[in-house]
Amino acid sequence: MTATVRLDNNLEEKLNNLAKSLDKKKSDVIRDAIEFYATNVEKNRRSRMLNAISKTKDVDKELISDFEEVIGDAI
């Protein structure tokens, strides 16, 4: 697949410098950047989900504890 990307002068310069310093083609640098970005987006999403699950478990533990106290007081 061929994709066309418009870059401002600043990004074009960064791309050129990266390609030269890494001794890679610009297209290779762009592919690597997309792969890196996609991986980090997925890691971030997974981390946020695990954090939300952890918070939910903590709240559930508190609710169960409160419920058990109320039941214990009523008995």
PDB file of N, CA and C in Angstrom:
ATOM      1  N   MET A   1       0.842  -1.176   0.000  1.00  0.00           N
ATOM      2  CA  MET A   1       0.000   0.000   0.000  1.00  0.00           C
ATOM      3  C   MET A   1       0.888   1.241   0.000  1.00  0.00           C
ATOM      4  N   THR A   2       0.478   2.205  -0.706  1.00  0.00           N
ATOM      5  CA  THR A   2       1.187   3.475  -0.734  1.00  0.00           C
ATOM      6  C   THR A   2       0.333   4.513  -0.022  1.00  0.00           C
ATOM      7  N   ALA A   3       0.954   5.290   0.836  1.00  0.00           N
ATOM      8  CA  ALA A   3       0.248   6.357   1.554  1.00  0.00           C
ATOM      9  C   ALA A   3       1.012   7.661   1.350  1.00  0.00           C
ATOM     10  N   THR A   4       0.269   8.729   1.243  1.00  0.00           N
ATOM     11  CA  THR A   4       0.882  10.050   1.113  1.00  0.00           C
ATOM     12  C   THR A   4       0.666  10.797   2.422  1.00  0.00           C
ATOM     13  N   VAL A   5       1.733  11.375   2.925  1.00  0.00           N
ATOM     14  CA  VAL A   5       1.662  12.113   4.186  1.00  0.00           C
ATOM     15  C   VAL A   5       2.207  13.508   3.958  1.00  0.00           C
ATOM     16  N   ARG A   6       1.468  14.487   4.411  1.00  0.00           N
ATOM     17  CA  ARG A   6       1.939  15.867   4.315  1.00  0.00           C
ATOM     18  C   ARG A   6       2.588  16.250   5.650  1.00  0.00           C
ATOM     19  N   LEU A   7       3.800  16.737   5.582  1.00  0.00           N
ATOM     20  CA  LEU A   7       4.549  17.130   6.771  1.00  0.00           C
ATOM     21  C   LEU A   7       4.876  18.609   6.698  1.00  0.00           C
ATOM     22  N   ASP A   8       4.821  19.261   7.854  1.00  0.00           N
ATOM     23  CA  ASP A   8       5.304  20.635   7.867  1.00  0.00           C
ATOM     24  C   ASP A   8       6.835  20.593   7.840  1.00  0.00           C
ATOM     25  N   ASN A   9       7.446  21.741   7.669  1.00  0.00           N
ATOM     26  CA  ASN A   9       8.911  21.794   7.535  1.00  0.00           C
ATOM     27  C   ASN A   9       9.629  21.202   8.736  1.00  0.00           C
ATOM     28  N   ASN A  10       9.090  21.454   9.931  1.00  0.00           N
ATOM     29  CA  ASN A  10       9.711  20.967  11.154  1.00  0.00           C
ATOM     30  C   ASN A  10       9.719  19.435  11.191  1.00  0.00           C
ATOM     31  N   LEU A  11       8.572  18.810  10.895  1.00  0.00           N
ATOM     32  CA  LEU A  11       8.511  17.346  10.896  1.00  0.00           C
ATOM     33  C   LEU A  11       9.347  16.744   9.772  1.00  0.00           C
ATOM     34  N   GLU A  12       9.360  17.404   8.633  1.00  0.00           N
ATOM     35  CA  GLU A  12      10.168  16.909   7.527  1.00  0.00           C
ATOM     36  C   GLU A  12      11.650  16.906   7.912  1.00  0.00           C
ATOM     37  N   GLU A  13      12.074  17.952   8.584  1.00  0.00           N
ATOM     38  CA  GLU A  13      13.474  18.022   9.019  1.00  0.00           C
ATOM     39  C   GLU A  13      13.777  16.932  10.043  1.00  0.00           C
ATOM     40  N   LYS A  14      12.857  16.724  10.972  1.00  0.00           N
ATOM     41  CA  LYS A  14      13.049  15.662  11.967  1.00  0.00           C
ATOM     42  C   LYS A  14      13.129  14.296  11.298  1.00  0.00           C
ATOM     43  N   LEU A  15      12.250  14.065  10.338  1.00  0.00           N
ATOM     44  CA  LEU A  15      12.261  12.790   9.618  1.00  0.00           C
ATOM     45  C   LEU A  15      13.579  12.595   8.873  1.00  0.00           C
ATOM     46  N   ASN A  16      14.010  13.626   8.180  1.00  0.00           N
ATOM     47  CA  ASN A  16      15.276  13.535   7.446  1.00  0.00           C
ATOM     48  C   ASN A  16      16.442  13.262   8.383  1.00  0.00           C
ATOM     49  N   ASN A  17      16.484  13.965   9.510  1.00  0.00           N
ATOM     50  CA  ASN A  17      17.573  13.773  10.477  1.00  0.00           C
ATOM     51  C   ASN A  17      17.549  12.369  11.073  1.00  0.00           C
ATOM     52  N   LEU A  18      16.352  11.892  11.415  1.00  0.00           N
ATOM     53  CA  LEU A  18      16.246  10.531  11.962  1.00  0.00           C
ATOM     54  C   LEU A  18      16.702   9.496  10.948  1.00  0.00           C
ATOM     55  N   ALA A  19      16.232   9.637   9.731  1.00  0.00           N
ATOM     56  CA  ALA A  19      16.599   8.675   8.696  1.00  0.00           C
ATOM     57  C   ALA A  19      18.112   8.644   8.493  1.00  0.00           C
ATOM     58  N   LYS A  20      18.729   9.812   8.472  1.00  0.00           N
ATOM     59  CA  LYS A  20      20.187   9.871   8.300  1.00  0.00           C
ATOM     60  C   LYS A  20      20.909   9.258   9.492  1.00  0.00           C
ATOM     61  N   SER A  21      20.479   9.632  10.701  1.00  0.00           N
ATOM     62  CA  SER A  21      21.191   9.144  11.887  1.00  0.00           C
ATOM     63  C   SER A  21      21.001   7.649  12.099  1.00  0.00           C
ATOM     64  N   LEU A  22      19.867   7.112  11.667  1.00  0.00           N
ATOM     65  CA  LEU A  22      19.615   5.675  11.808  1.00  0.00           C
ATOM     66  C   LEU A  22      20.047   4.887  10.576  1.00  0.00           C
ATOM     67  N   ASP A  23      20.466   5.609   9.559  1.00  0.00           N
ATOM     68  CA  ASP A  23      20.858   4.993   8.287  1.00  0.00           C
ATOM     69  C   ASP A  23      19.728   4.123   7.739  1.00  0.00           C
ATOM     70  N   LYS A  24      18.533   4.724   7.724  1.00  0.00           N
ATOM     71  CA  LYS A  24      17.340   4.040   7.221  1.00  0.00           C
ATOM     72  C   LYS A  24      16.656   4.920   6.195  1.00  0.00           C
ATOM     73  N   LYS A  25      15.810   4.297   5.399  1.00  0.00           N
ATOM     74  CA  LYS A  25      14.971   5.058   4.487  1.00  0.00           C
ATOM     75  C   LYS A  25      13.900   5.767   5.292  1.00  0.00           C
ATOM     76  N   LYS A  26      13.440   6.890   4.766  1.00  0.00           N
ATOM     77  CA  LYS A  26      12.383   7.637   5.461  1.00  0.00           C
ATOM     78  C   LYS A  26      11.136   6.778   5.638  1.00  0.00           C
ATOM     79  N   SER A  27      10.813   5.995   4.643  1.00  0.00           N
ATOM     80  CA  SER A  27       9.628   5.135   4.746  1.00  0.00           C
ATOM     81  C   SER A  27       9.779   4.113   5.878  1.00  0.00           C
ATOM     82  N   ASP A  28      11.009   3.628   6.100  1.00  0.00           N
ATOM     83  CA  ASP A  28      11.254   2.683   7.200  1.00  0.00           C
ATOM     84  C   ASP A  28      11.066   3.373   8.551  1.00  0.00           C
ATOM     85  N   VAL A  29      11.536   4.594   8.657  1.00  0.00           N
ATOM     86  CA  VAL A  29      11.378   5.351   9.904  1.00  0.00           C
ATOM     87  C   VAL A  29       9.893   5.581  10.179  1.00  0.00           C
ATOM     88  N   ILE A  30       9.144   5.912   9.158  1.00  0.00           N
ATOM     89  CA  ILE A  30       7.705   6.152   9.328  1.00  0.00           C
ATOM     90  C   ILE A  30       7.007   4.859   9.755  1.00  0.00           C
ATOM     91  N   ARG A  31       7.336   3.738   9.116  1.00  0.00           N
ATOM     92  CA  ARG A  31       6.732   2.453   9.502  1.00  0.00           C
ATOM     93  C   ARG A  31       7.068   2.115  10.953  1.00  0.00           C
ATOM     94  N   ASP A  32       8.331   2.303  11.331  1.00  0.00           N
ATOM     95  CA  ASP A  32       8.739   2.039  12.719  1.00  0.00           C
ATOM     96  C   ASP A  32       7.979   2.930  13.697  1.00  0.00           C
ATOM     97  N   ALA A  33       7.793   4.187  13.324  1.00  0.00           N
ATOM     98  CA  ALA A  33       7.087   5.128  14.193  1.00  0.00           C
ATOM     99  C   ALA A  33       5.628   4.722  14.380  1.00  0.00           C
ATOM    100  N   ILE A  34       4.986   4.282  13.302  1.00  0.00           N
ATOM    101  CA  ILE A  34       3.593   3.836  13.394  1.00  0.00           C
ATOM    102  C   ILE A  34       3.495   2.601  14.275  1.00  0.00           C
ATOM    103  N   GLU A  35       4.399   1.666  14.100  1.00  0.00           N
ATOM    104  CA  GLU A  35       4.401   0.451  14.926  1.00  0.00           C
ATOM    105  C   GLU A  35       4.619   0.791  16.395  1.00  0.00           C
ATOM    106  N   PHE A  36       5.570   1.678  16.673  1.00  0.00           N
ATOM    107  CA  PHE A  36       5.848   2.109  18.044  1.00  0.00           C
ATOM    108  C   PHE A  36       4.624   2.771  18.658  1.00  0.00           C
ATOM    109  N   TYR A  37       3.987   3.653  17.919  1.00  0.00           N
ATOM    110  CA  TYR A  37       2.807   4.373  18.403  1.00  0.00           C
ATOM    111  C   TYR A  37       1.661   3.398  18.677  1.00  0.00           C
ATOM    112  N   ALA A  38       1.417   2.482  17.750  1.00  0.00           N
ATOM    113  CA  ALA A  38       0.328   1.520  17.922  1.00  0.00           C
ATOM    114  C   ALA A  38       0.555   0.644  19.151  1.00  0.00           C
ATOM    115  N   THR A  39       1.780   0.203  19.352  1.00  0.00           N
ATOM    116  CA  THR A  39       2.105  -0.613  20.518  1.00  0.00           C
ATOM    117  C   THR A  39       1.868   0.151  21.809  1.00  0.00           C
ATOM    118  N   ASN A  40       2.286   1.411  21.853  1.00  0.00           N
ATOM    119  CA  ASN A  40       2.117   2.206  23.063  1.00  0.00           C
ATOM    120  C   ASN A  40       0.670   2.569  23.328  1.00  0.00           C
ATOM    121  N   VAL A  41      -0.108   2.784  22.295  1.00  0.00           N
ATOM    122  CA  VAL A  41      -1.542   3.039  22.478  1.00  0.00           C
ATOM    123  C   VAL A  41      -2.191   1.817  23.113  1.00  0.00           C
ATOM    124  N   GLU A  42      -1.855   0.639  22.618  1.00  0.00           N
ATOM    125  CA  GLU A  42      -2.428  -0.596  23.165  1.00  0.00           C
ATOM    126  C   GLU A  42      -1.996  -0.815  24.608  1.00  0.00           C
ATOM    127  N   LYS A  43      -0.726  -0.575  24.921  1.00  0.00           N
ATOM    128  CA  LYS A  43      -0.246  -0.721  26.299  1.00  0.00           C
ATOM    129  C   LYS A  43      -0.978   0.247  27.222  1.00  0.00           C
ATOM    130  N   ASN A  44      -1.170   1.484  26.764  1.00  0.00           N
ATOM    131  CA  ASN A  44      -1.857   2.495  27.559  1.00  0.00           C
ATOM    132  C   ASN A  44      -3.300   2.081  27.801  1.00  0.00           C
ATOM    133  N   ARG A  45      -3.972   1.589  26.768  1.00  0.00           N
ATOM    134  CA  ARG A  45      -5.364   1.157  26.897  1.00  0.00           C
ATOM    135  C   ARG A  45      -5.469   0.010  27.896  1.00  0.00           C
ATOM    136  N   ARG A  46      -4.578  -0.962  27.772  1.00  0.00           N
ATOM    137  CA  ARG A  46      -4.587  -2.117  28.670  1.00  0.00           C
ATOM    138  C   ARG A  46      -4.329  -1.667  30.111  1.00  0.00           C
ATOM    139  N   SER A  47      -3.402  -0.747  30.291  1.00  0.00           N
ATOM    140  CA  SER A  47      -3.084  -0.249  31.626  1.00  0.00           C
ATOM    141  C   SER A  47      -4.278   0.471  32.254  1.00  0.00           C
ATOM    142  N   ARG A  48      -4.965   1.291  31.460  1.00  0.00           N
ATOM    143  CA  ARG A  48      -6.147   1.993  31.983  1.00  0.00           C
ATOM    144  C   ARG A  48      -7.251   1.016  32.354  1.00  0.00           C
ATOM    145  N   MET A  49      -7.423  -0.033  31.549  1.00  0.00           N
ATOM    146  CA  MET A  49      -8.449  -1.036  31.854  1.00  0.00           C
ATOM    147  C   MET A  49      -8.120  -1.772  33.147  1.00  0.00           C
ATOM    148  N   LEU A  50      -6.862  -2.179  33.304  1.00  0.00           N
ATOM    149  CA  LEU A  50      -6.457  -2.875  34.528  1.00  0.00           C
ATOM    150  C   LEU A  50      -6.606  -1.984  35.751  1.00  0.00           C
ATOM    151  N   ASN A  51      -6.307  -0.709  35.598  1.00  0.00           N
ATOM    152  CA  ASN A  51      -6.468   0.242  36.696  1.00  0.00           C
ATOM    153  C   ASN A  51      -7.943   0.379  37.074  1.00  0.00           C
ATOM    154  N   ALA A  52      -8.813   0.458  36.088  1.00  0.00           N
ATOM    155  CA  ALA A  52     -10.253   0.572  36.352  1.00  0.00           C
ATOM    156  C   ALA A  52     -10.776  -0.688  37.047  1.00  0.00           C
ATOM    157  N   ILE A  53     -10.297  -1.849  36.611  1.00  0.00           N
ATOM    158  CA  ILE A  53     -10.709  -3.111  37.241  1.00  0.00           C
ATOM    159  C   ILE A  53     -10.256  -3.144  38.690  1.00  0.00           C
ATOM    160  N   SER A  54      -9.035  -2.714  38.933  1.00  0.00           N
ATOM    161  CA  SER A  54      -8.500  -2.690  40.293  1.00  0.00           C
ATOM    162  C   SER A  54      -9.322  -1.770  41.196  1.00  0.00           C
ATOM    163  N   LYS A  55      -9.664  -0.588  40.692  1.00  0.00           N
ATOM    164  CA  LYS A  55     -10.478   0.341  41.485  1.00  0.00           C
ATOM    165  C   LYS A  55     -11.847  -0.248  41.776  1.00  0.00           C
ATOM    166  N   THR A  56     -12.435  -0.919  40.788  1.00  0.00           N
ATOM    167  CA  THR A  56     -13.744  -1.538  40.977  1.00  0.00           C
ATOM    168  C   THR A  56     -13.673  -2.630  42.037  1.00  0.00           C
ATOM    169  N   LYS A  57     -12.625  -3.430  42.003  1.00  0.00           N
ATOM    170  CA  LYS A  57     -12.457  -4.479  43.013  1.00  0.00           C
ATOM    171  C   LYS A  57     -12.335  -3.874  44.404  1.00  0.00           C
ATOM    172  N   ASP A  58     -11.578  -2.774  44.527  1.00  0.00           N
ATOM    173  CA  ASP A  58     -11.412  -2.119  45.824  1.00  0.00           C
ATOM    174  C   ASP A  58     -12.746  -1.610  46.354  1.00  0.00           C
ATOM    175  N   VAL A  59     -13.545  -1.001  45.488  1.00  0.00           N
ATOM    176  CA  VAL A  59     -14.856  -0.503  45.900  1.00  0.00           C
ATOM    177  C   VAL A  59     -15.745  -1.670  46.311  1.00  0.00           C
ATOM    178  N   ASP A  60     -15.720  -2.757  45.531  1.00  0.00           N
ATOM    179  CA  ASP A  60     -16.520  -3.933  45.858  1.00  0.00           C
ATOM    180  C   ASP A  60     -16.131  -4.500  47.218  1.00  0.00           C
ATOM    181  N   LYS A  61     -14.830  -4.549  47.507  1.00  0.00           N
ATOM    182  CA  LYS A  61     -14.374  -5.056  48.804  1.00  0.00           C
ATOM    183  C   LYS A  61     -14.922  -4.201  49.941  1.00  0.00           C
ATOM    184  N   GLU A  62     -14.903  -2.884  49.763  1.00  0.00           N
ATOM    185  CA  GLU A  62     -15.435  -1.978  50.788  1.00  0.00           C
ATOM    186  C   GLU A  62     -16.932  -2.198  50.980  1.00  0.00           C
ATOM    187  N   LEU A  63     -17.670  -2.339  49.888  1.00  0.00           N
ATOM    188  CA  LEU A  63     -19.111  -2.552  49.979  1.00  0.00           C
ATOM    189  C   LEU A  63     -19.432  -3.867  50.675  1.00  0.00           C
ATOM    190  N   ILE A  64     -18.695  -4.913  50.340  1.00  0.00           N
ATOM    191  CA  ILE A  64     -18.918  -6.219  50.979  1.00  0.00           C
ATOM    192  C   ILE A  64     -18.609  -6.133  52.461  1.00  0.00           C
ATOM    193  N   SER A  65     -17.528  -5.466  52.802  1.00  0.00           N
ATOM    194  CA  SER A  65     -17.161  -5.310  54.208  1.00  0.00           C
ATOM    195  C   SER A  65     -18.236  -4.545  54.973  1.00  0.00           C
ATOM    196  N   ASP A  66     -18.721  -3.438  54.386  1.00  0.00           N
ATOM    197  CA  ASP A  66     -19.791  -2.665  55.025  1.00  0.00           C
ATOM    198  C   ASP A  66     -21.050  -3.511  55.187  1.00  0.00           C
ATOM    199  N   PHE A  67     -21.388  -4.275  54.160  1.00  0.00           N
ATOM    200  CA  PHE A  67     -22.574  -5.126  54.193  1.00  0.00           C
ATOM    201  C   PHE A  67     -22.446  -6.173  55.298  1.00  0.00           C
ATOM    202  N   GLU A  68     -21.268  -6.787  55.407  1.00  0.00           N
ATOM    203  CA  GLU A  68     -21.048  -7.814  56.430  1.00  0.00           C
ATOM    204  C   GLU A  68     -21.157  -7.220  57.830  1.00  0.00           C
ATOM    205  N   GLU A  69     -20.686  -5.993  58.004  1.00  0.00           N
ATOM    206  CA  GLU A  69     -20.803  -5.317  59.300  1.00  0.00           C
ATOM    207  C   GLU A  69     -22.268  -5.091  59.652  1.00  0.00           C
ATOM    208  N   VAL A  70     -23.051  -4.632  58.696  1.00  0.00           N
ATOM    209  CA  VAL A  70     -24.473  -4.377  58.928  1.00  0.00           C
ATOM    210  C   VAL A  70     -25.186  -5.685  59.262  1.00  0.00           C
ATOM    211  N   ILE A  71     -24.890  -6.740  58.539  1.00  0.00           N
ATOM    212  CA  ILE A  71     -25.496  -8.039  58.799  1.00  0.00           C
ATOM    213  C   ILE A  71     -25.085  -8.530  60.186  1.00  0.00           C
ATOM    214  N   GLY A  72     -23.799  -8.364  60.511  1.00  0.00           N
ATOM    215  CA  GLY A  72     -23.311  -8.791  61.810  1.00  0.00           C
ATOM    216  C   GLY A  72     -23.972  -8.030  62.952  1.00  0.00           C
ATOM    217  N   ASP A  73     -24.212  -6.738  62.762  1.00  0.00           N
ATOM    218  CA  ASP A  73     -24.873  -5.923  63.776  1.00  0.00           C
ATOM    219  C   ASP A  73     -26.333  -6.334  63.954  1.00  0.00           C
ATOM    220  N   ALA A  74     -26.956  -6.775  62.879  1.00  0.00           N
ATOM    221  CA  ALA A  74     -28.379  -7.126  62.922  1.00  0.00           C
ATOM    222  C   ALA A  74     -28.602  -8.488  63.565  1.00  0.00           C
ATOM    223  N   ILE A  75     -27.568  -9.303  63.572  1.00  0.00           N
ATOM    224  CA  ILE A  75     -27.752 -10.669  64.120  1.00  0.00           C
ATOM    225  C   ILE A  75     -27.596 -10.682  65.581  1.00  0.00           C
TER     226      ILE A  75
END
